[in-house]
Amino acid sequence: MASGGDLALTILGFLNERPMHGYELKARIAALSGHLRPVSDGALYPAISRLESAGLVERHEEAGAAAARRYVLTLTPAGREELLDRLRRPADLQISDQARFFVLLTFLSALPDPADRAAVLRRRLDFLEAPAGFFYEGGRPVRAEEEPDPYRKGMLLVARAMSRAEKEWLRERLAGLPSPAA
């Protein structure tokens, strides 16, 4: 995970689905984004402790499959409210950074109000529709057709295709959701 905020959101999101023990939580996080941003025990368990200290997560002991006991983590009502708040009002970086946006998207269905979901998707679409690029010349983004370097050109072509596909999906999804209140 890229930051403590992303990790906290991920922990809260998965625990909103059901209680689980730390090992299972780590496996779920790794399945979501471990190939991009692996999470270590040195990051996960302190994050869980911070959430527990803040009253967002509770830990209780239960019997394990063998003689060993294990700790199960549960989201508290305050933790659920924190999750919903983070989903309703994501930071700008969670909208602009694709990997962070995908973490947000993973749990967006937890928002009970479809208009809240639409507001988040609208922010992402607005971001994607703004002119941008990886390389600039004369104050404007360089287009793939103008780039002589084949690797940079490839990067621009792939980014363009991904952006088009994501914008198409966002428009389709927004068409099925109510408009956010002004």
N, C-alpha and C. Protein backbone atom coordinates (compact mmCIF):
# COMPACT_ATOMS: atom_id res chain seq x y z
N MET A 1 0.85 -1.18 0.00
CA MET A 1 0.00 0.00 0.00
C MET A 1 0.89 1.24 0.00
N ALA A 2 0.44 2.26 -0.64
CA ALA A 2 1.27 3.44 -0.82
C ALA A 2 1.35 4.31 0.41
N SER A 3 0.31 4.37 1.17
CA SER A 3 0.33 5.25 2.34
C SER A 3 -0.50 4.66 3.45
N GLY A 4 -0.31 5.22 4.65
CA GLY A 4 -1.09 4.76 5.79
C GLY A 4 -2.58 4.95 5.58
N GLY A 5 -2.96 6.02 4.88
CA GLY A 5 -4.37 6.28 4.61
C GLY A 5 -4.98 5.21 3.72
N ASP A 6 -4.22 4.79 2.70
CA ASP A 6 -4.70 3.72 1.82
C ASP A 6 -4.83 2.42 2.59
N LEU A 7 -3.86 2.15 3.44
CA LEU A 7 -3.89 0.92 4.21
C LEU A 7 -5.05 0.93 5.19
N ALA A 8 -5.27 2.05 5.85
CA ALA A 8 -6.40 2.15 6.78
C ALA A 8 -7.72 1.96 6.05
N LEU A 9 -7.87 2.58 4.89
CA LEU A 9 -9.10 2.41 4.10
C LEU A 9 -9.30 0.95 3.73
N THR A 10 -8.22 0.30 3.33
CA THR A 10 -8.31 -1.11 2.93
C THR A 10 -8.69 -2.00 4.11
N ILE A 11 -8.09 -1.76 5.25
CA ILE A 11 -8.43 -2.54 6.46
C ILE A 11 -9.89 -2.33 6.82
N LEU A 12 -10.32 -1.08 6.89
CA LEU A 12 -11.71 -0.79 7.23
C LEU A 12 -12.66 -1.40 6.20
N GLY A 13 -12.30 -1.31 4.93
CA GLY A 13 -13.16 -1.85 3.88
C GLY A 13 -13.34 -3.35 3.97
N PHE A 14 -12.24 -4.06 4.16
CA PHE A 14 -12.36 -5.52 4.26
C PHE A 14 -13.08 -5.94 5.54
N LEU A 15 -12.82 -5.25 6.65
CA LEU A 15 -13.51 -5.61 7.89
C LEU A 15 -14.98 -5.24 7.84
N ASN A 16 -15.35 -4.30 6.98
CA ASN A 16 -16.77 -3.99 6.78
C ASN A 16 -17.50 -5.17 6.15
N GLU A 17 -16.77 -5.96 5.37
CA GLU A 17 -17.38 -7.12 4.73
C GLU A 17 -17.63 -8.25 5.72
N ARG A 18 -16.68 -8.44 6.65
CA ARG A 18 -16.84 -9.45 7.70
C ARG A 18 -15.64 -9.41 8.63
N PRO A 19 -15.82 -9.86 9.88
CA PRO A 19 -14.68 -9.96 10.79
C PRO A 19 -13.66 -10.97 10.24
N MET A 20 -12.40 -10.74 10.53
CA MET A 20 -11.36 -11.68 10.11
C MET A 20 -10.12 -11.51 10.96
N HIS A 21 -9.28 -12.51 10.95
CA HIS A 21 -8.03 -12.43 11.70
C HIS A 21 -6.97 -11.77 10.83
N GLY A 22 -5.88 -11.34 11.47
CA GLY A 22 -4.84 -10.59 10.79
C GLY A 22 -4.25 -11.28 9.58
N TYR A 23 -4.02 -12.58 9.70
CA TYR A 23 -3.43 -13.32 8.58
C TYR A 23 -4.36 -13.29 7.37
N GLU A 24 -5.65 -13.50 7.61
CA GLU A 24 -6.63 -13.47 6.52
C GLU A 24 -6.72 -12.07 5.92
N LEU A 25 -6.71 -11.05 6.78
CA LEU A 25 -6.75 -9.67 6.32
C LEU A 25 -5.54 -9.38 5.43
N LYS A 26 -4.37 -9.80 5.87
CA LYS A 26 -3.15 -9.59 5.07
C LYS A 26 -3.27 -10.28 3.72
N ALA A 27 -3.81 -11.48 3.69
CA ALA A 27 -3.98 -12.21 2.44
C ALA A 27 -4.95 -11.47 1.50
N ARG A 28 -6.01 -10.93 2.05
CA ARG A 28 -6.98 -10.17 1.24
C ARG A 28 -6.34 -8.90 0.67
N ILE A 29 -5.55 -8.22 1.48
CA ILE A 29 -4.86 -7.01 1.02
C ILE A 29 -3.86 -7.37 -0.07
N ALA A 30 -3.12 -8.46 0.13
CA ALA A 30 -2.15 -8.90 -0.88
C ALA A 30 -2.85 -9.26 -2.18
N ALA A 31 -4.01 -9.90 -2.10
CA ALA A 31 -4.75 -10.25 -3.31
C ALA A 31 -5.23 -9.00 -4.05
N LEU A 32 -5.56 -7.96 -3.29
CA LEU A 32 -6.04 -6.72 -3.91
C LEU A 32 -4.92 -5.95 -4.59
N SER A 33 -3.82 -5.76 -3.89
CA SER A 33 -2.78 -4.88 -4.45
C SER A 33 -1.37 -5.32 -4.12
N GLY A 34 -1.20 -6.49 -3.58
CA GLY A 34 0.13 -6.94 -3.19
C GLY A 34 1.11 -7.05 -4.33
N HIS A 35 0.62 -7.33 -5.52
CA HIS A 35 1.53 -7.41 -6.66
C HIS A 35 2.09 -6.03 -7.02
N LEU A 36 1.37 -4.98 -6.66
CA LEU A 36 1.83 -3.62 -6.94
C LEU A 36 2.51 -2.99 -5.73
N ARG A 37 1.87 -3.15 -4.60
CA ARG A 37 2.35 -2.51 -3.37
C ARG A 37 2.19 -3.49 -2.21
N PRO A 38 3.17 -4.35 -2.02
CA PRO A 38 3.03 -5.34 -0.94
C PRO A 38 2.98 -4.67 0.43
N VAL A 39 2.24 -5.29 1.33
CA VAL A 39 2.14 -4.79 2.69
C VAL A 39 2.89 -5.75 3.61
N SER A 40 3.74 -5.19 4.43
CA SER A 40 4.52 -6.01 5.36
C SER A 40 3.82 -6.08 6.70
N ASP A 41 4.20 -7.06 7.51
CA ASP A 41 3.68 -7.13 8.88
C ASP A 41 4.03 -5.87 9.64
N GLY A 42 5.19 -5.29 9.33
CA GLY A 42 5.65 -4.08 10.00
C GLY A 42 4.81 -2.86 9.67
N ALA A 43 4.03 -2.92 8.62
CA ALA A 43 3.10 -1.84 8.30
C ALA A 43 1.68 -2.21 8.71
N LEU A 44 1.29 -3.46 8.48
CA LEU A 44 -0.10 -3.87 8.74
C LEU A 44 -0.45 -3.85 10.23
N TYR A 45 0.33 -4.50 11.05
CA TYR A 45 -0.06 -4.63 12.46
C TYR A 45 -0.02 -3.31 13.22
N PRO A 46 0.93 -2.42 12.96
CA PRO A 46 0.84 -1.09 13.59
C PRO A 46 -0.40 -0.30 13.09
N ALA A 47 -0.75 -0.46 11.82
CA ALA A 47 -1.95 0.21 11.30
C ALA A 47 -3.20 -0.32 12.01
N ILE A 48 -3.26 -1.62 12.21
CA ILE A 48 -4.40 -2.21 12.93
C ILE A 48 -4.43 -1.66 14.36
N SER A 49 -3.27 -1.60 15.00
CA SER A 49 -3.20 -1.06 16.37
C SER A 49 -3.68 0.39 16.44
N ARG A 50 -3.29 1.20 15.45
CA ARG A 50 -3.75 2.61 15.42
C ARG A 50 -5.27 2.67 15.26
N LEU A 51 -5.82 1.83 14.40
CA LEU A 51 -7.27 1.81 14.21
C LEU A 51 -7.98 1.33 15.47
N GLU A 52 -7.37 0.38 16.14
CA GLU A 52 -7.92 -0.13 17.40
C GLU A 52 -7.88 0.96 18.47
N SER A 53 -6.76 1.67 18.59
CA SER A 53 -6.63 2.76 19.57
C SER A 53 -7.63 3.88 19.30
N ALA A 54 -7.96 4.09 18.04
CA ALA A 54 -8.92 5.13 17.66
C ALA A 54 -10.36 4.66 17.84
N GLY A 55 -10.55 3.41 18.24
CA GLY A 55 -11.90 2.89 18.45
C GLY A 55 -12.62 2.50 17.17
N LEU A 56 -11.87 2.29 16.09
CA LEU A 56 -12.48 1.96 14.80
C LEU A 56 -12.52 0.45 14.55
N VAL A 57 -11.64 -0.26 15.25
CA VAL A 57 -11.52 -1.71 15.11
C VAL A 57 -11.42 -2.30 16.50
N GLU A 58 -12.06 -3.46 16.70
CA GLU A 58 -11.93 -4.19 17.96
C GLU A 58 -11.25 -5.53 17.67
N ARG A 59 -10.50 -5.98 18.65
CA ARG A 59 -9.81 -7.27 18.53
C ARG A 59 -10.31 -8.15 19.68
N HIS A 60 -10.71 -9.36 19.33
CA HIS A 60 -11.08 -10.30 20.38
C HIS A 60 -10.47 -11.66 20.06
N GLU A 61 -10.25 -12.41 21.12
CA GLU A 61 -9.57 -13.69 21.01
C GLU A 61 -10.61 -14.80 20.85
N GLU A 62 -10.27 -15.76 19.99
CA GLU A 62 -11.13 -16.94 19.86
C GLU A 62 -10.26 -18.15 19.59
N ALA A 63 -10.84 -19.30 19.78
CA ALA A 63 -10.09 -20.55 19.60
C ALA A 63 -9.73 -20.72 18.13
N GLY A 64 -8.51 -21.18 17.89
CA GLY A 64 -8.05 -21.44 16.54
C GLY A 64 -8.34 -22.88 16.14
N ALA A 65 -7.94 -23.26 14.95
CA ALA A 65 -8.16 -24.62 14.46
C ALA A 65 -7.38 -25.64 15.29
N ALA A 66 -6.21 -25.26 15.74
CA ALA A 66 -5.41 -26.13 16.61
C ALA A 66 -5.57 -25.59 18.04
N ALA A 67 -4.61 -25.88 18.88
CA ALA A 67 -4.67 -25.43 20.27
C ALA A 67 -4.46 -23.92 20.39
N ALA A 68 -3.77 -23.33 19.41
CA ALA A 68 -3.47 -21.89 19.48
C ALA A 68 -4.73 -21.04 19.33
N ARG A 69 -4.77 -19.99 20.10
CA ARG A 69 -5.88 -19.04 19.99
C ARG A 69 -5.47 -17.97 18.98
N ARG A 70 -6.45 -17.32 18.39
CA ARG A 70 -6.13 -16.26 17.44
C ARG A 70 -7.01 -15.06 17.71
N TYR A 71 -6.54 -13.92 17.21
CA TYR A 71 -7.29 -12.69 17.37
C TYR A 71 -8.11 -12.42 16.12
N VAL A 72 -9.36 -12.08 16.33
CA VAL A 72 -10.25 -11.73 15.23
C VAL A 72 -10.53 -10.24 15.31
N LEU A 73 -10.47 -9.58 14.18
CA LEU A 73 -10.70 -8.14 14.10
C LEU A 73 -12.11 -7.88 13.61
N THR A 74 -12.76 -6.91 14.25
CA THR A 74 -14.13 -6.54 13.91
C THR A 74 -14.21 -5.03 13.76
N LEU A 75 -14.96 -4.59 12.80
CA LEU A 75 -15.18 -3.17 12.60
C LEU A 75 -16.21 -2.68 13.62
N THR A 76 -15.94 -1.57 14.26
CA THR A 76 -16.89 -0.98 15.21
C THR A 76 -17.85 -0.07 14.45
N PRO A 77 -18.95 0.35 15.08
CA PRO A 77 -19.83 1.33 14.41
C PRO A 77 -19.07 2.61 14.03
N ALA A 78 -18.15 3.06 14.88
CA ALA A 78 -17.34 4.24 14.55
C ALA A 78 -16.44 3.94 13.36
N GLY A 79 -15.94 2.72 13.27
CA GLY A 79 -15.11 2.32 12.14
C GLY A 79 -15.89 2.33 10.84
N ARG A 80 -17.14 1.87 10.91
CA ARG A 80 -17.98 1.91 9.71
C ARG A 80 -18.24 3.34 9.28
N GLU A 81 -18.51 4.22 10.23
CA GLU A 81 -18.72 5.64 9.88
C GLU A 81 -17.47 6.25 9.28
N GLU A 82 -16.31 5.89 9.82
CA GLU A 82 -15.03 6.38 9.27
C GLU A 82 -14.85 5.89 7.84
N LEU A 83 -15.14 4.62 7.61
CA LEU A 83 -15.05 4.06 6.26
C LEU A 83 -15.95 4.83 5.31
N LEU A 84 -17.19 5.02 5.69
CA LEU A 84 -18.15 5.72 4.82
C LEU A 84 -17.71 7.15 4.56
N ASP A 85 -17.16 7.80 5.57
CA ASP A 85 -16.68 9.17 5.39
C ASP A 85 -15.51 9.21 4.40
N ARG A 86 -14.58 8.25 4.54
CA ARG A 86 -13.44 8.19 3.62
C ARG A 86 -13.89 7.91 2.20
N LEU A 87 -14.94 7.11 2.05
CA LEU A 87 -15.46 6.80 0.72
C LEU A 87 -16.21 7.99 0.12
N ARG A 88 -16.96 8.70 0.95
CA ARG A 88 -17.72 9.86 0.47
C ARG A 88 -16.81 11.03 0.09
N ARG A 89 -15.73 11.19 0.84
CA ARG A 89 -14.86 12.36 0.66
C ARG A 89 -13.40 11.94 0.49
N PRO A 90 -13.11 11.24 -0.60
CA PRO A 90 -11.72 10.82 -0.79
C PRO A 90 -10.80 12.02 -1.06
N ALA A 91 -9.57 11.90 -0.65
CA ALA A 91 -8.56 12.93 -0.92
C ALA A 91 -8.34 13.01 -2.44
N ASP A 92 -7.86 14.15 -2.88
CA ASP A 92 -7.60 14.34 -4.31
C ASP A 92 -6.67 13.27 -4.86
N LEU A 93 -5.67 12.86 -4.09
CA LEU A 93 -4.73 11.85 -4.55
C LEU A 93 -5.42 10.50 -4.77
N GLN A 94 -6.46 10.21 -4.02
CA GLN A 94 -7.19 8.96 -4.22
C GLN A 94 -8.01 9.01 -5.51
N ILE A 95 -8.29 10.18 -5.99
CA ILE A 95 -9.01 10.34 -7.26
C ILE A 95 -8.02 10.34 -8.42
N SER A 96 -6.88 10.97 -8.26
CA SER A 96 -5.94 11.14 -9.38
C SER A 96 -4.99 9.96 -9.58
N ASP A 97 -4.65 9.24 -8.54
CA ASP A 97 -3.73 8.11 -8.64
C ASP A 97 -4.54 6.84 -8.93
N GLN A 98 -4.24 6.19 -10.04
CA GLN A 98 -5.05 5.05 -10.47
C GLN A 98 -5.08 3.91 -9.44
N ALA A 99 -3.93 3.54 -8.90
CA ALA A 99 -3.90 2.44 -7.94
C ALA A 99 -4.72 2.80 -6.69
N ARG A 100 -4.60 4.02 -6.21
CA ARG A 100 -5.36 4.44 -5.03
C ARG A 100 -6.85 4.53 -5.36
N PHE A 101 -7.17 4.96 -6.58
CA PHE A 101 -8.58 5.01 -6.97
C PHE A 101 -9.17 3.61 -7.01
N PHE A 102 -8.40 2.64 -7.48
CA PHE A 102 -8.90 1.27 -7.53
C PHE A 102 -9.16 0.72 -6.13
N VAL A 103 -8.35 1.11 -5.15
CA VAL A 103 -8.63 0.71 -3.76
C VAL A 103 -9.96 1.32 -3.33
N LEU A 104 -10.16 2.58 -3.62
CA LEU A 104 -11.41 3.27 -3.30
C LEU A 104 -12.58 2.57 -3.99
N LEU A 105 -12.41 2.25 -5.25
CA LEU A 105 -13.45 1.61 -6.04
C LEU A 105 -13.82 0.23 -5.48
N THR A 106 -12.84 -0.45 -4.90
CA THR A 106 -13.06 -1.78 -4.33
C THR A 106 -14.17 -1.76 -3.28
N PHE A 107 -14.27 -0.65 -2.53
CA PHE A 107 -15.20 -0.59 -1.41
C PHE A 107 -16.34 0.40 -1.64
N LEU A 108 -16.43 0.99 -2.81
CA LEU A 108 -17.42 2.04 -3.06
C LEU A 108 -18.86 1.55 -2.89
N SER A 109 -19.11 0.28 -3.12
CA SER A 109 -20.46 -0.26 -2.95
C SER A 109 -20.94 -0.19 -1.51
N ALA A 110 -20.03 0.01 -0.57
CA ALA A 110 -20.42 0.12 0.84
C ALA A 110 -21.21 1.40 1.10
N LEU A 111 -21.06 2.39 0.23
CA LEU A 111 -21.83 3.62 0.41
C LEU A 111 -23.30 3.33 0.11
N PRO A 112 -24.18 3.55 1.09
CA PRO A 112 -25.59 3.20 0.87
C PRO A 112 -26.30 4.12 -0.12
N ASP A 113 -25.84 5.36 -0.26
CA ASP A 113 -26.51 6.33 -1.12
C ASP A 113 -25.86 6.31 -2.51
N PRO A 114 -26.60 5.90 -3.54
CA PRO A 114 -26.04 5.88 -4.89
C PRO A 114 -25.56 7.26 -5.36
N ALA A 115 -26.17 8.32 -4.86
CA ALA A 115 -25.72 9.67 -5.24
C ALA A 115 -24.31 9.95 -4.71
N ASP A 116 -23.98 9.41 -3.54
CA ASP A 116 -22.62 9.55 -3.01
C ASP A 116 -21.62 8.82 -3.90
N ARG A 117 -22.01 7.63 -4.36
CA ARG A 117 -21.14 6.87 -5.26
C ARG A 117 -20.94 7.64 -6.56
N ALA A 118 -22.03 8.20 -7.07
CA ALA A 118 -21.97 8.97 -8.31
C ALA A 118 -21.04 10.18 -8.17
N ALA A 119 -21.05 10.82 -7.03
CA ALA A 119 -20.20 11.99 -6.82
C ALA A 119 -18.72 11.61 -6.91
N VAL A 120 -18.36 10.46 -6.35
CA VAL A 120 -16.97 10.00 -6.41
C VAL A 120 -16.59 9.67 -7.85
N LEU A 121 -17.46 8.96 -8.54
CA LEU A 121 -17.17 8.60 -9.93
C LEU A 121 -17.09 9.83 -10.81
N ARG A 122 -17.93 10.82 -10.54
CA ARG A 122 -17.90 12.07 -11.31
C ARG A 122 -16.56 12.79 -11.12
N ARG A 123 -16.04 12.79 -9.89
CA ARG A 123 -14.74 13.41 -9.64
C ARG A 123 -13.65 12.72 -10.46
N ARG A 124 -13.68 11.40 -10.50
CA ARG A 124 -12.67 10.66 -11.27
C ARG A 124 -12.82 10.97 -12.76
N LEU A 125 -14.04 10.98 -13.27
CA LEU A 125 -14.26 11.28 -14.68
C LEU A 125 -13.79 12.70 -15.01
N ASP A 126 -14.11 13.65 -14.16
CA ASP A 126 -13.65 15.03 -14.38
C ASP A 126 -12.12 15.09 -14.42
N PHE A 127 -11.48 14.36 -13.53
CA PHE A 127 -10.01 14.30 -13.53
C PHE A 127 -9.49 13.74 -14.85
N LEU A 128 -10.08 12.63 -15.30
CA LEU A 128 -9.60 11.99 -16.52
C LEU A 128 -9.86 12.83 -17.77
N GLU A 129 -10.89 13.65 -17.73
CA GLU A 129 -11.22 14.47 -18.90
C GLU A 129 -10.39 15.74 -18.99
N ALA A 130 -9.68 16.09 -17.95
CA ALA A 130 -8.81 17.27 -17.99
C ALA A 130 -7.57 16.94 -18.82
N PRO A 131 -7.13 17.88 -19.67
CA PRO A 131 -5.93 17.61 -20.47
C PRO A 131 -4.72 17.34 -19.57
N ALA A 132 -4.02 16.27 -19.87
CA ALA A 132 -2.84 15.91 -19.08
C ALA A 132 -1.94 15.02 -19.92
N GLY A 133 -0.74 14.83 -19.45
CA GLY A 133 0.19 13.96 -20.15
C GLY A 133 1.38 13.66 -19.25
N PHE A 134 2.25 12.83 -19.77
CA PHE A 134 3.47 12.49 -19.05
C PHE A 134 4.60 13.42 -19.44
N PHE A 135 4.55 13.91 -20.68
CA PHE A 135 5.61 14.74 -21.21
C PHE A 135 4.98 16.02 -21.77
N TYR A 136 5.64 17.14 -21.51
CA TYR A 136 5.13 18.43 -21.95
C TYR A 136 6.16 19.14 -22.80
N GLU A 137 5.66 19.87 -23.78
CA GLU A 137 6.52 20.71 -24.60
C GLU A 137 5.75 21.99 -24.89
N GLY A 138 6.37 23.11 -24.60
CA GLY A 138 5.71 24.39 -24.81
C GLY A 138 4.46 24.56 -23.96
N GLY A 139 4.44 23.93 -22.79
CA GLY A 139 3.31 24.07 -21.88
C GLY A 139 2.11 23.20 -22.20
N ARG A 140 2.22 22.33 -23.19
CA ARG A 140 1.09 21.44 -23.51
C ARG A 140 1.56 19.98 -23.54
N PRO A 141 0.62 19.07 -23.26
CA PRO A 141 1.00 17.65 -23.27
C PRO A 141 1.43 17.20 -24.67
N VAL A 142 2.45 16.36 -24.72
CA VAL A 142 2.90 15.78 -25.98
C VAL A 142 1.97 14.62 -26.32
N ARG A 143 1.48 14.60 -27.55
CA ARG A 143 0.61 13.51 -28.01
C ARG A 143 1.47 12.34 -28.50
N ALA A 144 0.93 11.16 -28.43
CA ALA A 144 1.67 9.96 -28.85
C ALA A 144 2.15 10.09 -30.29
N GLU A 145 1.35 10.68 -31.15
CA GLU A 145 1.70 10.81 -32.57
C GLU A 145 2.90 11.74 -32.78
N GLU A 146 3.18 12.58 -31.81
CA GLU A 146 4.28 13.53 -31.90
C GLU A 146 5.56 13.02 -31.25
N GLU A 147 5.48 11.93 -30.52
CA GLU A 147 6.62 11.44 -29.73
C GLU A 147 7.51 10.56 -30.59
N PRO A 148 8.78 10.95 -30.78
CA PRO A 148 9.69 10.13 -31.60
C PRO A 148 10.25 8.90 -30.87
N ASP A 149 10.36 8.95 -29.56
CA ASP A 149 10.90 7.82 -28.81
C ASP A 149 9.87 6.69 -28.77
N PRO A 150 10.21 5.49 -29.26
CA PRO A 150 9.20 4.43 -29.35
C PRO A 150 8.68 3.96 -27.98
N TYR A 151 9.48 4.05 -26.94
CA TYR A 151 9.05 3.59 -25.63
C TYR A 151 8.14 4.61 -24.96
N ARG A 152 8.49 5.86 -25.08
CA ARG A 152 7.60 6.92 -24.57
C ARG A 152 6.29 6.91 -25.36
N LYS A 153 6.40 6.72 -26.66
CA LYS A 153 5.20 6.66 -27.49
C LYS A 153 4.30 5.50 -27.04
N GLY A 154 4.92 4.36 -26.76
CA GLY A 154 4.15 3.21 -26.28
C GLY A 154 3.46 3.51 -24.97
N MET A 155 4.19 4.17 -24.08
CA MET A 155 3.60 4.56 -22.79
C MET A 155 2.39 5.46 -23.00
N LEU A 156 2.50 6.42 -23.90
CA LEU A 156 1.40 7.34 -24.17
C LEU A 156 0.21 6.61 -24.81
N LEU A 157 0.48 5.68 -25.72
CA LEU A 157 -0.60 4.94 -26.36
C LEU A 157 -1.35 4.04 -25.37
N VAL A 158 -0.60 3.36 -24.51
CA VAL A 158 -1.23 2.50 -23.50
C VAL A 158 -2.05 3.35 -22.53
N ALA A 159 -1.48 4.46 -22.07
CA ALA A 159 -2.20 5.34 -21.14
C ALA A 159 -3.48 5.87 -21.78
N ARG A 160 -3.41 6.22 -23.06
CA ARG A 160 -4.60 6.73 -23.76
C ARG A 160 -5.69 5.66 -23.83
N ALA A 161 -5.29 4.43 -24.18
CA ALA A 161 -6.27 3.34 -24.28
C ALA A 161 -6.90 3.04 -22.93
N MET A 162 -6.09 3.04 -21.88
CA MET A 162 -6.63 2.79 -20.53
C MET A 162 -7.58 3.91 -20.12
N SER A 163 -7.20 5.13 -20.40
CA SER A 163 -8.04 6.27 -20.05
C SER A 163 -9.38 6.22 -20.79
N ARG A 164 -9.34 5.90 -22.08
CA ARG A 164 -10.59 5.79 -22.86
C ARG A 164 -11.49 4.71 -22.28
N ALA A 165 -10.92 3.56 -21.97
CA ALA A 165 -11.72 2.46 -21.42
C ALA A 165 -12.33 2.84 -20.07
N GLU A 166 -11.52 3.48 -19.22
CA GLU A 166 -12.04 3.86 -17.91
C GLU A 166 -13.11 4.92 -18.03
N LYS A 167 -12.92 5.91 -18.91
CA LYS A 167 -13.94 6.96 -19.09
C LYS A 167 -15.25 6.37 -19.61
N GLU A 168 -15.14 5.41 -20.52
CA GLU A 168 -16.33 4.75 -21.04
C GLU A 168 -17.08 4.04 -19.92
N TRP A 169 -16.34 3.29 -19.08
CA TRP A 169 -16.98 2.58 -17.97
C TRP A 169 -17.61 3.58 -16.99
N LEU A 170 -16.89 4.65 -16.67
CA LEU A 170 -17.41 5.66 -15.74
C LEU A 170 -18.70 6.28 -16.27
N ARG A 171 -18.73 6.63 -17.55
CA ARG A 171 -19.95 7.22 -18.13
C ARG A 171 -21.12 6.25 -18.07
N GLU A 172 -20.86 4.98 -18.39
CA GLU A 172 -21.92 3.96 -18.32
C GLU A 172 -22.43 3.82 -16.90
N ARG A 173 -21.53 3.76 -15.95
CA ARG A 173 -21.93 3.58 -14.55
C ARG A 173 -22.69 4.81 -14.05
N LEU A 174 -22.21 5.99 -14.41
CA LEU A 174 -22.88 7.23 -13.97
C LEU A 174 -24.27 7.35 -14.57
N ALA A 175 -24.47 6.83 -15.76
CA ALA A 175 -25.79 6.87 -16.40
C ALA A 175 -26.82 6.08 -15.58
N GLY A 176 -26.35 5.09 -14.83
CA GLY A 176 -27.26 4.27 -14.03
C GLY A 176 -27.40 4.74 -12.58
N LEU A 177 -26.74 5.83 -12.22
CA LEU A 177 -26.79 6.34 -10.84
C LEU A 177 -27.44 7.72 -10.83
N PRO A 178 -28.08 8.07 -9.73
CA PRO A 178 -28.67 9.41 -9.64
C PRO A 178 -27.58 10.47 -9.58
N SER A 179 -27.89 11.65 -10.06
CA SER A 179 -26.94 12.76 -9.99
C SER A 179 -26.78 13.17 -8.54
N PRO A 180 -25.53 13.51 -8.16
CA PRO A 180 -25.32 13.97 -6.78
C PRO A 180 -26.03 15.30 -6.54
N ALA A 181 -26.47 15.51 -5.31
CA ALA A 181 -27.12 16.78 -4.95
C ALA A 181 -26.09 17.89 -5.03
N ALA A 182 -26.54 19.05 -5.46
CA ALA A 182 -25.62 20.19 -5.60
C ALA A 182 -25.30 20.81 -4.27
